[in-house]
Protein backbone atom coordinates (compact mmCIF):
# COMPACT_ATOMS: atom_id res chain seq x y z
CA MET A 1 0.24 -0.09 0.20
CA THR A 2 1.47 3.36 -1.28
CA GLU A 3 2.47 6.33 1.97
CA GLU A 4 0.26 9.04 -0.48
CA LEU A 5 -3.34 9.71 -0.26
CA ARG A 6 -4.52 9.67 -3.63
CA PHE A 7 -7.98 9.79 -5.25
CA HIS A 8 -10.31 7.06 -5.26
CA THR A 9 -13.89 6.61 -6.28
CA VAL A 10 -16.61 5.09 -4.47
CA GLU A 11 -16.86 1.98 -6.53
CA ALA A 12 -12.86 1.47 -5.92
CA LEU A 13 -13.30 2.12 -2.41
CA GLN A 14 -16.07 -0.90 -2.18
CA ALA A 15 -14.31 -3.19 -3.86
CA LEU A 16 -11.08 -2.80 -1.39
CA PRO A 17 -10.90 -5.17 1.30
CA LEU A 18 -11.59 -3.96 4.75
CA GLU A 19 -7.39 -4.03 5.48
CA ALA A 20 -6.85 -2.29 2.39
CA LEU A 21 -9.62 0.47 3.13
CA GLN A 22 -7.78 0.77 6.71
CA ALA A 23 -4.69 1.62 5.56
CA LEU A 24 -6.01 4.31 3.21
CA TRP A 25 -7.90 5.93 6.53
CA GLU A 26 -4.37 5.69 8.62
CA LEU A 27 -2.94 8.48 6.25
CA VAL A 28 -5.29 10.27 6.90
CA PRO A 29 -4.31 13.08 9.44
CA THR A 30 -5.49 12.86 12.70
CA ASP A 31 -7.17 16.13 13.19
CA ARG A 32 -9.06 15.78 9.99
CA GLN A 33 -10.00 12.22 11.24
CA ARG A 34 -11.30 13.36 14.26
CA ALA A 35 -13.13 16.40 12.25
CA TYR A 36 -14.90 13.47 10.26
CA ARG A 37 -15.44 10.90 12.75
CA ALA A 38 -17.87 13.64 14.76
CA ALA A 39 -19.55 15.03 11.22
CA TYR A 40 -20.33 11.51 10.80
CA ASP A 41 -21.61 10.90 14.31
CA ARG A 42 -23.58 14.18 14.14
CA GLU A 43 -25.77 12.44 10.96
CA VAL A 44 -26.10 9.50 13.19
CA ARG A 45 -27.29 11.05 15.76
CA SER A 46 -29.70 13.29 14.44
CA ALA A 47 -31.03 10.58 12.06
CA GLY A 48 -32.08 8.60 15.11
CA ALA A 49 -29.97 5.69 14.19
CA ILE A 50 -27.64 5.03 17.64
CA GLY A 51 -27.74 1.53 18.41
CA SER A 52 -29.44 0.28 15.32
CA ASP A 53 -26.38 -1.38 12.35
CA ALA A 54 -29.67 -1.28 9.61
CA LEU A 55 -30.43 2.37 10.49
CA GLU A 56 -26.70 3.38 10.40
CA ARG A 57 -26.21 1.69 7.16
CA GLN A 58 -28.99 3.80 5.92
CA VAL A 59 -27.54 6.81 7.31
CA ALA A 60 -24.00 5.73 5.26
CA GLU A 61 -25.82 4.86 2.28
CA ALA A 62 -27.23 8.53 2.17
CA LEU A 63 -24.55 10.35 2.67
CA LEU A 64 -22.36 8.34 0.00
CA SER A 65 -24.85 9.16 -2.68
CA ARG A 66 -25.23 12.61 -1.38
CA TYR A 67 -21.27 13.02 -2.24
CA SER A 68 -21.36 10.92 -5.53
CA GLU A 69 -24.45 12.92 -6.77
CA ALA A 70 -23.75 16.93 -5.36
CA ALA A 71 -20.04 16.37 -4.12
CA LEU A 72 -21.45 17.31 -1.08
CA VAL A 73 -18.53 16.88 1.93
CA PRO A 74 -18.39 18.42 5.76
CA ILE A 75 -16.70 21.76 6.66
CA GLY A 76 -16.85 21.94 10.37
CA THR A 77 -20.63 21.70 10.87
CA ARG A 78 -21.89 22.55 7.50
CA TRP A 79 -22.17 20.67 4.48
CA ALA A 80 -20.51 22.55 1.24
CA ARG A 81 -20.58 21.39 -2.54
CA THR A 82 -17.37 20.75 -3.92
CA PRO A 83 -16.62 23.14 -7.27
CA SER A 84 -16.34 20.89 -10.08
CA ARG A 85 -13.03 22.30 -11.18
CA VAL A 86 -11.83 21.11 -7.53
CA GLN A 87 -13.32 17.74 -8.12
CA THR A 88 -11.45 17.37 -11.42
CA ALA A 89 -8.29 18.61 -9.96
CA ALA A 90 -8.56 15.82 -7.35
CA ALA A 91 -9.63 12.80 -9.55
CA ALA A 92 -6.43 13.74 -11.81
CA GLY A 93 -3.86 14.35 -8.91
CA ALA A 94 -3.17 17.78 -10.51
CA ALA A 95 -2.07 20.58 -8.35
CA LEU A 96 -4.90 23.14 -8.51
CA ASP A 97 -4.52 26.80 -9.02
CA ALA A 98 -6.60 29.71 -7.64
CA PRO A 99 -5.04 33.15 -8.58
CA GLU A 100 -8.69 34.68 -8.06
CA SER A 101 -8.37 33.50 -4.08
CA ASP A 102 -6.44 36.74 -3.96
CA ASP A 103 -9.37 38.89 -4.91
CA GLN A 104 -11.55 37.06 -3.02
CA PRO A 105 -12.52 37.33 0.91
CA THR A 106 -11.10 34.14 2.93
CA VAL A 107 -12.71 34.58 5.94
CA GLY A 108 -15.11 31.24 6.60
CA THR A 109 -14.96 29.71 3.11
CA PRO A 110 -11.99 26.90 2.76
CA SER A 111 -9.40 27.09 -0.03
CA PRO A 112 -10.28 24.49 -2.91
CA ARG A 113 -7.04 22.41 -1.91
CA VAL A 114 -8.18 21.75 1.71
CA LEU A 115 -12.32 20.90 -0.22
CA ALA A 116 -10.05 18.69 -2.13
CA ALA A 117 -8.49 17.11 0.85
CA PHE A 118 -11.86 17.12 2.65
CA GLY A 119 -13.45 15.71 -0.01
CA LEU A 120 -11.62 12.61 -0.16
CA ALA A 121 -11.00 12.04 3.46
CA ALA A 122 -14.73 12.46 3.83
CA LEU A 123 -15.41 9.66 1.56
CA LEU A 124 -12.80 7.04 2.83
CA LEU A 125 -14.32 7.59 6.33
CA LEU A 126 -17.89 6.79 4.75
CA GLY A 127 -16.33 3.80 3.06
CA PHE A 128 -14.68 2.74 6.14
CA VAL A 129 -17.64 3.18 8.27
CA LEU A 130 -19.57 0.76 5.85
CA THR A 131 -17.39 -1.76 6.19
CA ARG A 132 -16.53 -1.78 9.38
CA PRO A 133 -18.29 -4.62 11.84
CA ARG A 134 -19.87 -3.62 15.33
CA GLN A 135 -18.53 -4.55 18.00
CA ASP A 136 -21.37 -6.11 19.52
CA ARG A 137 -21.75 -8.03 15.79
CA ALA A 138 -18.69 -9.44 15.50
CA SER A 139 -19.38 -12.76 13.91
CA GLU A 140 -21.11 -11.16 11.12
CA VAL A 141 -19.02 -10.69 7.69
CA ALA A 142 -19.09 -7.22 6.67
CA GLN A 143 -20.16 -6.48 3.20
CA ALA A 144 -18.56 -3.59 1.00
CA VAL A 145 -21.53 -3.61 -1.58
CA PRO A 146 -24.42 -1.72 0.58
CA ALA A 147 -27.67 -3.64 0.64
CA VAL A 148 -30.40 -2.84 -1.39
CA SER A 149 -33.48 -1.59 0.59
CA PRO A 150 -36.83 -2.77 -0.61
CA THR A 151 -38.50 0.12 1.46
CA PRO A 152 -39.87 2.72 -0.57
CA THR A 153 -39.63 5.52 1.90
CA PRO A 154 -36.09 5.58 3.99
CA ARG A 155 -36.91 5.48 7.65
CA VAL A 156 -34.04 7.73 7.83
CA SER A 157 -33.53 10.52 5.57
CA PRO A 158 -30.21 12.86 6.55
CA THR A 159 -30.56 16.53 5.78
CA PRO A 160 -31.57 16.92 2.35
CA THR A 161 -29.59 19.57 1.46
CA PRO A 162 -25.94 21.06 1.74
CA LEU A 163 -26.65 23.03 4.86
CA ALA A 164 -26.21 21.23 8.11
CA LEU A 165 -29.49 22.48 9.93
CA GLU A 166 -28.32 21.75 13.48
CA ALA A 167 -26.02 25.05 13.05
CA GLN A 168 -28.47 27.47 11.55
CA ASP A 169 -29.00 29.10 15.15
CA ASP A 170 -25.24 30.35 14.99
CA VAL A 171 -25.14 31.48 11.50
CA ILE A 172 -28.26 33.32 12.27
CA ALA A 173 -26.97 35.25 15.33
CA GLY A 174 -23.77 35.81 13.21
CA GLY A 175 -25.56 38.57 11.28
CA ASP A 176 -25.94 42.04 11.92
CA ARG A 177 -28.31 43.06 14.63
CA GLY A 178 -31.30 45.32 14.04
CA ARG A 179 -34.51 46.42 15.54
CA ALA A 180 -36.94 44.90 13.48
CA ALA A 181 -39.69 42.34 15.58
CA ALA A 182 -39.86 39.98 12.58
CA TYR A 183 -37.11 38.92 9.97
CA PRO A 184 -36.64 36.02 7.82
CA VAL A 185 -34.38 33.00 9.10
CA SER A 186 -34.47 30.71 6.23
CA LEU A 187 -35.19 30.73 2.80
CA GLN A 188 -37.04 27.70 0.50
CA ILE A 189 -36.75 27.61 -3.46
CA VAL A 190 -39.22 25.01 -4.46
CA LEU A 191 -39.01 24.70 -8.26
CA PRO A 192 -42.41 23.28 -10.32
CA ASP A 193 -40.10 20.01 -11.48
CA LYS A 194 -41.04 17.80 -8.68
CA ASP A 195 -37.89 15.61 -9.21
CA THR A 196 -35.79 18.31 -8.13
CA ALA A 197 -35.95 18.52 -4.39
CA PRO A 198 -35.99 21.79 -2.88
CA ARG A 199 -33.04 24.22 -1.80
CA VAL A 200 -32.67 25.64 1.61
CA TRP A 201 -30.73 29.14 2.17
CA VAL A 202 -30.06 30.13 6.26
CA VAL A 203 -30.57 33.80 6.01
CA GLN A 204 -28.82 36.72 7.78
CA ARG A 205 -29.75 40.20 8.63
CA ARG A 206 -27.03 42.54 6.96
CA ALA A 207 -27.34 46.73 7.38
CA VAL A 208 -25.85 48.07 3.89
CA ARG A 209 -23.55 51.20 5.32
CA ALA A 210 -21.90 53.86 3.09
CA ALA A 211 -22.86 51.93 -0.39
CA GLU A 212 -21.60 48.46 1.05
CA TRP A 213 -23.12 45.47 1.12
CA HIS A 214 -21.63 43.06 3.16
CA TYR A 215 -22.10 39.69 3.25
CA ASP A 216 -21.39 36.19 4.10
CA PRO A 217 -19.20 34.73 1.23
CA ASN A 218 -20.69 30.64 1.76
CA PRO A 219 -22.65 29.70 -0.59
CA ASP A 220 -25.59 28.12 1.56
CA VAL A 221 -25.95 31.89 3.81
CA ALA A 222 -28.30 34.02 2.01
CA SER A 223 -28.38 38.25 3.48
CA PHE A 224 -31.16 39.95 4.13
CA VAL A 225 -31.16 43.78 3.93
CA SER A 226 -32.01 44.94 7.43
CA GLY A 227 -35.18 47.04 7.71
CA MET A 228 -36.81 45.74 4.13
CA SER A 229 -39.71 44.30 5.76
CA VAL A 230 -42.68 44.94 3.28
CA ARG A 231 -40.49 43.74 0.30
CA PRO A 232 -37.65 41.75 1.75
CA VAL A 233 -34.64 41.90 -0.41
CA ILE A 234 -32.12 39.02 0.17
CA GLY A 235 -28.86 38.38 -1.54
CA ILE A 236 -27.73 35.07 -2.44
CA PRO A 237 -23.83 34.62 -2.60
CA TYR A 238 -22.23 33.57 -6.16
CA SER A 239 -21.39 29.81 -6.68
CA GLU A 240 -21.66 27.68 -9.62
CA GLY A 241 -24.68 26.09 -7.82
CA ASN A 242 -26.55 29.05 -7.01
CA ALA A 243 -26.09 29.98 -10.37
CA ALA A 244 -27.23 27.35 -11.77
CA TRP A 245 -30.55 27.46 -9.31
CA PHE A 246 -31.25 30.84 -10.53
CA ALA A 247 -31.24 29.92 -13.84
CA ALA A 248 -33.88 26.86 -13.22
CA VAL A 249 -36.10 29.37 -11.68
CA GLY A 250 -39.03 30.60 -13.66
CA GLU A 251 -42.79 30.13 -14.00
CA GLY A 252 -44.32 27.93 -11.18
CA THR A 253 -41.36 28.87 -8.71
CA THR A 254 -42.41 28.53 -4.86
CA PHE A 255 -40.68 30.74 -2.77
CA TYR A 256 -41.09 30.11 1.30
CA LEU A 257 -39.81 32.82 3.77
CA THR A 258 -39.80 31.23 7.42
CA MET A 259 -39.29 34.12 9.81
CA ASN A 260 -38.39 34.29 13.40
CA THR A 261 -41.63 34.36 14.40
CA GLY A 262 -42.46 31.11 13.16
CA ALA A 263 -44.00 32.48 10.47
CA ILE A 264 -43.77 31.13 7.19
CA LEU A 265 -44.48 33.38 4.06
CA ARG A 266 -45.32 32.21 0.88
CA TYR A 267 -43.96 34.50 -2.73
CA GLU A 268 -44.79 32.98 -6.45
CA PHE A 269 -42.59 33.62 -9.16
CA ALA A 270 -43.06 36.99 -10.94
CA ALA A 271 -39.95 38.05 -13.06
CA LYS A 272 -36.40 37.59 -13.96
CA THR A 273 -33.68 39.88 -15.47
CA ASP A 274 -30.27 41.21 -14.87
CA VAL A 275 -29.94 44.72 -13.56
CA ARG A 276 -27.43 47.19 -12.99
CA ARG A 277 -25.41 47.12 -9.59
CA SER A 278 -26.40 50.78 -9.15
CA ASP A 279 -29.87 49.93 -9.65
CA THR A 280 -31.72 51.28 -6.23
CA ALA A 281 -34.92 50.62 -7.36
CA ILE A 282 -35.02 47.37 -6.14
CA PHE A 283 -35.18 48.60 -2.53
CA ARG A 284 -38.50 50.36 -3.16
CA GLN A 285 -41.25 48.80 -0.47
CA VAL A 286 -44.15 50.00 -2.57
CA ARG A 287 -45.99 46.28 -2.49
CA PRO A 288 -45.49 43.48 -0.87
CA GLY A 289 -43.30 40.82 -2.48
CA LEU A 290 -39.95 39.49 -2.69
CA VAL A 291 -36.24 40.23 -4.29
CA LEU A 292 -33.68 37.87 -4.71
CA LEU A 293 -29.95 38.94 -6.32
CA LEU A 294 -27.49 36.87 -6.75
CA ILE A 295 -24.38 38.37 -5.43
CA GLY A 296 -20.55 38.33 -5.82
CA GLU A 297 -20.20 37.35 -9.26
CA THR A 298 -16.77 38.74 -10.87
CA SER A 299 -15.79 38.99 -14.13
CA PRO A 300 -12.40 37.37 -15.72
CA ASP A 301 -10.08 40.04 -14.64
CA GLY A 302 -11.18 39.87 -10.74
CA LEU A 303 -13.72 42.82 -10.85
CA PRO A 304 -17.24 42.65 -9.98
CA THR A 305 -19.44 42.75 -12.74
CA ALA A 306 -21.68 45.31 -13.82
CA ALA A 307 -24.61 43.48 -13.94
CA ARG A 308 -26.40 40.94 -11.47
CA THR A 309 -29.07 38.55 -11.77
CA LEU A 310 -32.63 39.58 -10.40
CA VAL A 311 -35.35 37.59 -9.41
CA THR A 312 -38.98 38.83 -7.99
CA ALA A 313 -41.74 37.38 -6.58
CA VAL A 314 -45.33 38.03 -5.52
CA TYR A 315 -46.75 37.77 -2.19
CA PRO A 316 -50.55 36.06 -3.22
CA PRO A 317 -52.90 37.55 -0.45
CA GLU A 318 -55.14 34.82 -0.31
CA GLN A 319 -52.72 33.00 2.25
CA GLU A 320 -53.89 35.79 4.64
CA LEU A 321 -56.36 34.43 7.07
CA SER A 322 -58.33 37.06 9.05
CA ARG A 323 -59.81 36.13 12.93
CA SER A 324 -63.55 35.55 11.60
CA GLY A 325 -61.60 32.72 8.92
CA GLN A 326 -62.19 35.35 5.90
CA LEU A 327 -59.12 35.32 3.41
CA VAL A 328 -57.91 38.90 2.91
CA GLY A 329 -58.11 39.70 -0.57
CA ALA A 330 -60.52 37.28 -1.52
CA GLY A 331 -64.25 36.95 -1.45
CA LEU A 332 -64.57 33.37 -0.27
CA SER A 333 -64.55 31.59 3.14
CA LEU A 334 -61.84 29.45 4.34
CA PRO A 335 -62.85 25.62 4.64
CA GLU A 336 -63.38 25.11 8.32
CA VAL A 337 -64.73 22.79 10.24
CA GLY A 338 -64.28 21.46 13.86
CA LEU A 339 -63.27 18.71 15.98
CA GLY A 340 -64.12 15.25 14.70
CA GLU A 341 -65.64 16.74 11.13
CA ALA A 342 -64.05 15.81 7.92
CA LEU A 343 -62.57 17.78 5.54
CA ALA A 344 -61.51 17.88 1.71
CA LEU A 345 -58.15 19.22 0.86
CA GLY A 346 -57.75 19.19 -2.44
CA ASP A 347 -59.37 16.30 -4.35
CA GLU A 348 -56.50 13.65 -3.10
CA ALA A 349 -56.94 13.80 0.58
CA VAL A 350 -59.46 14.10 3.20
CA LEU A 351 -58.62 15.22 6.85
CA THR A 352 -60.38 14.61 10.14
CA LEU A 353 -59.08 16.27 13.12
CA ARG A 354 -60.08 13.22 16.20
CA ALA A 355 -58.08 14.82 19.04
CA VAL A 356 -56.47 17.87 20.75
CA TRP A 357 -54.32 17.48 23.74
CA THR A 358 -51.44 19.49 26.02
CA ALA A 359 -48.34 18.29 27.91
CA ALA A 360 -46.85 20.40 30.07
CA ALA A 361 -44.71 18.17 32.69
CA HIS A 362 -42.37 17.09 30.27
CA PRO A 363 -38.39 18.19 32.16
CA SER A 364 -36.94 19.09 28.52
CA LEU A 365 -39.86 21.98 27.79
CA PRO A 366 -38.99 25.67 28.54
CA LEU A 367 -40.43 27.36 31.48
CA GLY A 368 -44.06 28.60 30.58
CA GLN A 369 -44.13 26.50 27.51
CA GLN A 370 -46.37 23.31 26.83
CA ALA A 371 -46.54 20.84 24.14
CA LEU A 372 -50.21 21.29 21.91
CA ALA A 373 -50.58 17.79 19.92
CA PHE A 374 -53.11 17.09 17.50
CA GLU A 375 -54.38 13.90 15.86
CA LEU A 376 -55.40 13.76 12.53
CA GLU A 377 -56.55 11.00 10.47
CA VAL A 378 -55.87 11.14 6.75
CA ARG A 379 -57.33 9.48 4.03
CA ALA A 380 -55.64 9.29 0.57
CA GLY A 381 -57.18 9.29 -3.16
CA VAL A 382 -56.29 6.84 -5.66
CA ASN A 383 -52.98 9.07 -6.30
CA GLY A 384 -51.57 8.62 -2.77
CA LEU A 385 -49.91 11.35 -0.89
CA ASP A 386 -46.82 12.89 -0.74
CA THR A 387 -47.01 15.35 2.26
CA THR A 388 -42.68 16.55 1.92
CA LEU A 389 -43.99 20.10 0.63
CA TRP A 390 -47.07 20.14 2.93
CA GLN A 391 -47.64 23.23 5.73
CA VAL A 392 -49.18 22.44 8.65
CA ALA A 393 -49.57 25.40 11.27
CA VAL A 394 -51.39 27.03 14.43
CA HIS A 395 -52.94 29.84 14.22
CA ASP A 396 -53.85 31.58 17.16
CA TRP A 397 -56.92 33.92 18.21
CA GLY A 398 -54.23 36.62 17.96
CA GLY A 399 -52.97 35.46 14.24
CA GLN A 400 -49.49 33.97 15.80
CA VAL A 401 -48.31 31.46 13.69
CA TYR A 402 -46.62 28.38 15.49
CA THR A 403 -44.91 25.60 13.15
CA PRO A 404 -43.89 21.79 14.23
CA SER A 405 -41.47 21.29 16.81
CA ALA A 406 -39.80 18.01 17.57
CA LEU A 407 -39.18 18.64 20.97
CA ALA A 408 -42.86 19.19 21.22
CA LEU A 409 -43.45 15.59 19.86
CA ASP A 410 -41.06 14.16 22.48
CA ALA A 411 -43.18 15.73 25.27
CA ALA A 412 -45.80 14.47 23.90
CA GLY A 413 -44.88 11.19 23.64
CA LEU A 414 -45.48 11.42 19.94
CA SER A 415 -43.35 10.17 16.82
CA ALA A 416 -42.83 11.68 13.30
CA PRO A 417 -45.31 11.65 10.73
CA PRO A 418 -44.93 9.90 7.50
CA VAL A 419 -44.19 11.77 4.49
CA THR A 420 -45.70 9.72 1.83
CA LEU A 421 -49.37 7.75 2.06
CA PRO A 422 -50.03 5.08 -0.55
CA PRO A 423 -53.14 5.50 -2.92
CA LEU A 424 -56.54 4.61 -0.88
CA THR A 425 -55.52 4.47 2.49
CA GLN A 426 -56.25 5.79 5.56
CA MET A 427 -53.84 6.49 8.35
CA THR A 428 -53.79 8.56 11.78
CA VAL A 429 -50.93 10.65 11.96
CA SER A 430 -50.23 13.51 15.06
CA THR A 431 -48.16 16.50 15.19
CA ALA A 432 -47.01 18.98 18.13
CA TYR A 433 -46.27 22.38 18.57
CA LEU A 434 -44.46 24.90 21.31
CA VAL A 435 -46.83 27.19 22.56
CA PRO A 436 -47.37 29.26 26.12
CA THR A 437 -49.20 27.68 28.82
CA ALA A 438 -51.70 30.29 28.64
CA PHE A 439 -52.68 29.38 25.03
CA SER A 440 -56.52 29.12 24.56
CA GLY A 441 -57.09 27.60 21.04
CA GLY A 442 -57.35 29.15 17.21
CA ARG A 443 -56.82 27.11 14.32
CA LEU A 444 -54.85 24.12 12.70
CA VAL A 445 -54.48 25.23 9.01
CA VAL A 446 -53.35 22.65 6.81
CA THR A 447 -52.14 23.70 3.23
CA ASP A 448 -50.70 21.47 0.74
CA ASP A 449 -48.31 21.39 -1.83
CA GLY A 450 -51.08 22.69 -4.64
CA GLY A 451 -51.87 25.63 -2.46
CA GLN A 452 -55.26 23.93 -0.88
CA THR A 453 -55.95 24.84 2.40
CA ALA A 454 -58.89 23.95 5.15
CA ALA A 455 -58.67 24.85 8.86
CA PHE A 456 -59.98 22.91 11.71
CA ARG A 457 -60.88 25.21 14.72
CA PHE A 458 -60.50 24.49 18.56
CA ALA A 459 -60.62 25.55 22.02
CA LEU A 460 -58.98 24.41 24.73
CA PRO A 461 -60.02 24.28 28.48
CA PRO A 462 -59.20 27.33 30.90
CA PRO A 463 -56.25 26.59 33.09
CA GLU A 464 -56.92 25.42 36.53
CA ALA A 465 -56.57 28.44 39.12
CA GLU A 466 -53.14 28.49 40.39
CA THR A 467 -51.96 29.30 43.90
CA ARG A 468 -49.16 31.92 43.69
CA PRO A 469 -46.61 31.96 46.12
CA ASP A 470 -47.46 35.56 47.50
CA GLY A 471 -50.06 33.69 50.15
CA VAL A 472 -46.99 31.82 51.76
CA HIS A 473 -45.24 33.01 54.79
CA ALA A 474 -41.34 33.09 54.47
CA GLN A 475 -38.92 34.14 56.69
CA LEU A 476 -35.29 35.05 56.16
CA VAL A 477 -33.17 33.21 58.67
CA SER A 478 -29.79 33.94 58.16
CA VAL A 479 -27.27 35.37 55.27
CA ALA A 480 -23.82 34.75 54.92
CA THR A 481 -20.80 35.38 52.63
CA LEU A 482 -18.08 32.55 52.15
CA ASP A 483 -15.47 32.41 49.42
CA GLY A 484 -17.54 34.57 46.45
CA GLN A 485 -20.59 32.61 47.62
CA ILE A 486 -23.81 34.50 49.28
CA ILE A 487 -25.63 31.59 51.46
CA VAL A 488 -29.62 31.90 52.36
CA GLN A 489 -31.56 30.32 54.81
CA LEU A 490 -35.25 30.39 54.46
CA ARG A 491 -38.17 28.87 55.79
CA LEU A 492 -41.74 29.04 54.15
CA TYR A 493 -44.76 27.88 55.51
CA ASN A 494 -48.56 27.68 54.01
CA PRO A 495 -51.25 28.74 55.75
CA GLN A 496 -53.74 28.20 52.62
CA SER A 497 -55.91 25.36 51.78
CA THR A 498 -54.57 24.79 48.57
CA PRO A 499 -50.73 23.37 47.63
CA VAL A 500 -48.40 25.92 46.05
CA THR A 501 -45.47 24.85 43.85
CA PHE A 502 -42.24 26.80 44.01
CA THR A 503 -39.88 26.84 40.74
CA ALA A 504 -36.35 28.81 40.55
CA ASP A 505 -38.18 31.72 39.61
CA ASP A 506 -40.20 32.34 42.39
CA ILE A 507 -37.07 33.30 44.60
CA TRP A 508 -34.43 35.04 43.01
CA LEU A 509 -31.39 37.82 44.46
CA SER A 510 -30.19 41.00 42.95
CA LEU A 511 -26.94 42.30 43.62
CA GLY A 512 -25.96 45.88 43.22
CA TYR A 513 -23.69 48.73 44.78
CA ALA A 514 -26.84 51.02 46.16
CA PRO A 515 -29.04 49.87 49.01
CA ASP A 516 -32.18 47.32 47.62
CA PRO A 517 -30.92 47.05 43.95
CA PRO A 518 -33.57 46.23 41.48
CA GLY A 519 -31.44 44.19 39.46
CA PRO A 520 -30.62 42.12 37.51
CA ARG A 521 -32.20 39.34 38.95
CA SER A 522 -30.86 36.20 39.57
CA PRO A 523 -32.97 33.29 40.52
CA ALA A 524 -32.22 30.15 42.76
CA GLU A 525 -30.81 28.43 39.92
CA GLY A 526 -30.34 24.25 40.86
CA MET A 527 -33.61 24.63 43.21
CA PRO A 528 -35.53 21.44 41.81
CA PRO A 529 -39.46 22.89 41.72
CA PHE A 530 -41.08 21.65 44.92
CA GLU A 531 -44.83 21.84 46.40
CA LEU A 532 -45.68 22.96 49.52
CA ARG A 533 -48.88 21.62 50.85
CA PRO A 534 -51.27 23.11 53.00
CA GLU A 535 -50.06 23.85 56.53
CA GLN A 536 -47.08 22.17 55.54
CA ALA A 537 -43.70 24.52 56.18
CA ALA A 538 -40.13 24.06 54.55
CA ASP A 539 -36.52 24.87 55.17
CA LEU A 540 -34.43 26.02 52.28
CA ARG A 541 -30.60 26.82 52.26
CA LEU A 542 -29.81 28.59 48.84
CA VAL A 543 -26.67 29.36 47.43
CA TRP A 544 -25.67 32.51 44.92
CA PRO A 545 -22.16 33.49 43.30
CA TRP A 546 -21.05 36.79 44.79
CA SER A 547 -18.54 39.80 43.35
CA ASN A 548 -17.94 41.40 46.63
CA GLU A 549 -21.20 43.51 45.78
CA PRO A 550 -22.10 45.55 49.10
CA TYR A 551 -25.96 45.18 48.94
CA ALA A 552 -28.61 42.74 47.47
CA ALA A 553 -32.23 42.39 47.41
CA LEU A 554 -33.88 39.06 48.03
CA GLN A 555 -37.91 38.61 47.47
CA VAL A 556 -39.50 35.35 47.72
CA GLY A 557 -43.03 35.19 46.43
CA GLY A 558 -44.54 38.63 47.61
CA ARG A 559 -41.95 38.82 50.45
CA ARG A 560 -38.97 41.15 49.92
CA TRP A 561 -35.47 41.90 51.76
CA ALA A 562 -32.66 44.35 51.66
CA VAL A 563 -29.74 43.06 52.67
CA GLN A 564 -26.52 45.10 53.23
CA LEU A 565 -23.36 42.51 52.45
CA THR A 566 -19.81 42.24 54.54
CA ARG A 567 -17.21 39.93 53.90
CA GLY A 568 -17.34 37.19 56.15
CA ALA A 569 -20.82 38.67 57.26
């Protein structure tokens, strides 16, 4: 075996024995081995395939297919498409000259040499994973060629786009801050060609200062011009793949813009043209719509091109739903029924809302949030159903929109609904959402890929009256300071006839340099919630960090104490 790492095709790797494949893997630098193993483990965890050889094999097969078809390789926590010229140079074993790198920003974008090495090493990792035997099944003979699964819809589906979606929060937070209450966080383009998978970009907010549009050169990160709320203007960095998507966009293309509030805005293709870089008319906020620009393209001499591709889309008003169930801008009423009633969605599906319930006691739920779960009975027509592009959202009575949540599904003890339904079949599916504990009701709105919409109205029973900690007697026993800590001892007594539940937010301490500081408030972190029953007392010992502030304020329910602190007191 040669000591030089060379390019191998997937077929060549699959034909190698396990010993030869392991020898190739040993030629990969140790730090890159760790990075590729981490990327692979993330995909296995996100697909829920830990502990199952069959499911893990499906993940590995999907990753290999993604590399073969789209040349996607792991770059940190994201997946990026390797440019065709880099693929060609890597396959030929030739050195790759990239003089244009001197003119392009290098922050956040790996060099072509690194991409080529990443692609080869990632491929070696996946080939090694496919052929390695499991420790708990060492008696099995590892097969280099993946087995063909007869299942029409795979149970495990890794991220279908080159973007590692679990990292999108960091990408969004890396943009410029603004005061807008609502702003886009992701963009999805769906072509009319049903065989082409949708393309997704994470959206950052960017402010244009002194006529300079600064943006992230990552081709999977779009840039939203802050302040453009009526007619959002979004720039997509130039790359071969993004240019191909702009070329494919045309009549029948749909754009979905997900907002930070959870609302999903749908736009329809209007026009495509080339505009000069100096054209500022595209920023005019005169009517609802969407503007997409392909930015960052350079000419052969390395200078920015004088023109760039512009795509505009319109906002169909019929997607707006008023509180009375009327469609804004249309003279029709939205089909709407209640619990237990059937409603047709177009010509291919009949839906019935069977049950609505909430779950608030799960430990993973955020404070003040609960899981709102729905059970839908779906009956498919003669052509079956593909729900990949369906939108199922909850609208409260005030117009706030909530999208499905995996955390809420887990809290409600449910599994993800199926993507496809065979023809003439009936199935019960479930979906769940994170909503405030004070949520009273609204509508479950279902929209298929053809724009057909149906709604189910529902109402939740009012929450039981909760006894607040204000009626509990609280006694401050002692306050002491020791080694950067404040130690507080309390005695609580409940004289009421109903039990009272205490959480960490019901007891808080604020520190400052003036008497009775109003904040910032530090809750009693580490204190598990507990119930104080009628005529019951409890002794508490709580500890807060201390940076030698001379004054503090302690509050328990409705009782508040002003405290002066000294070292060792």
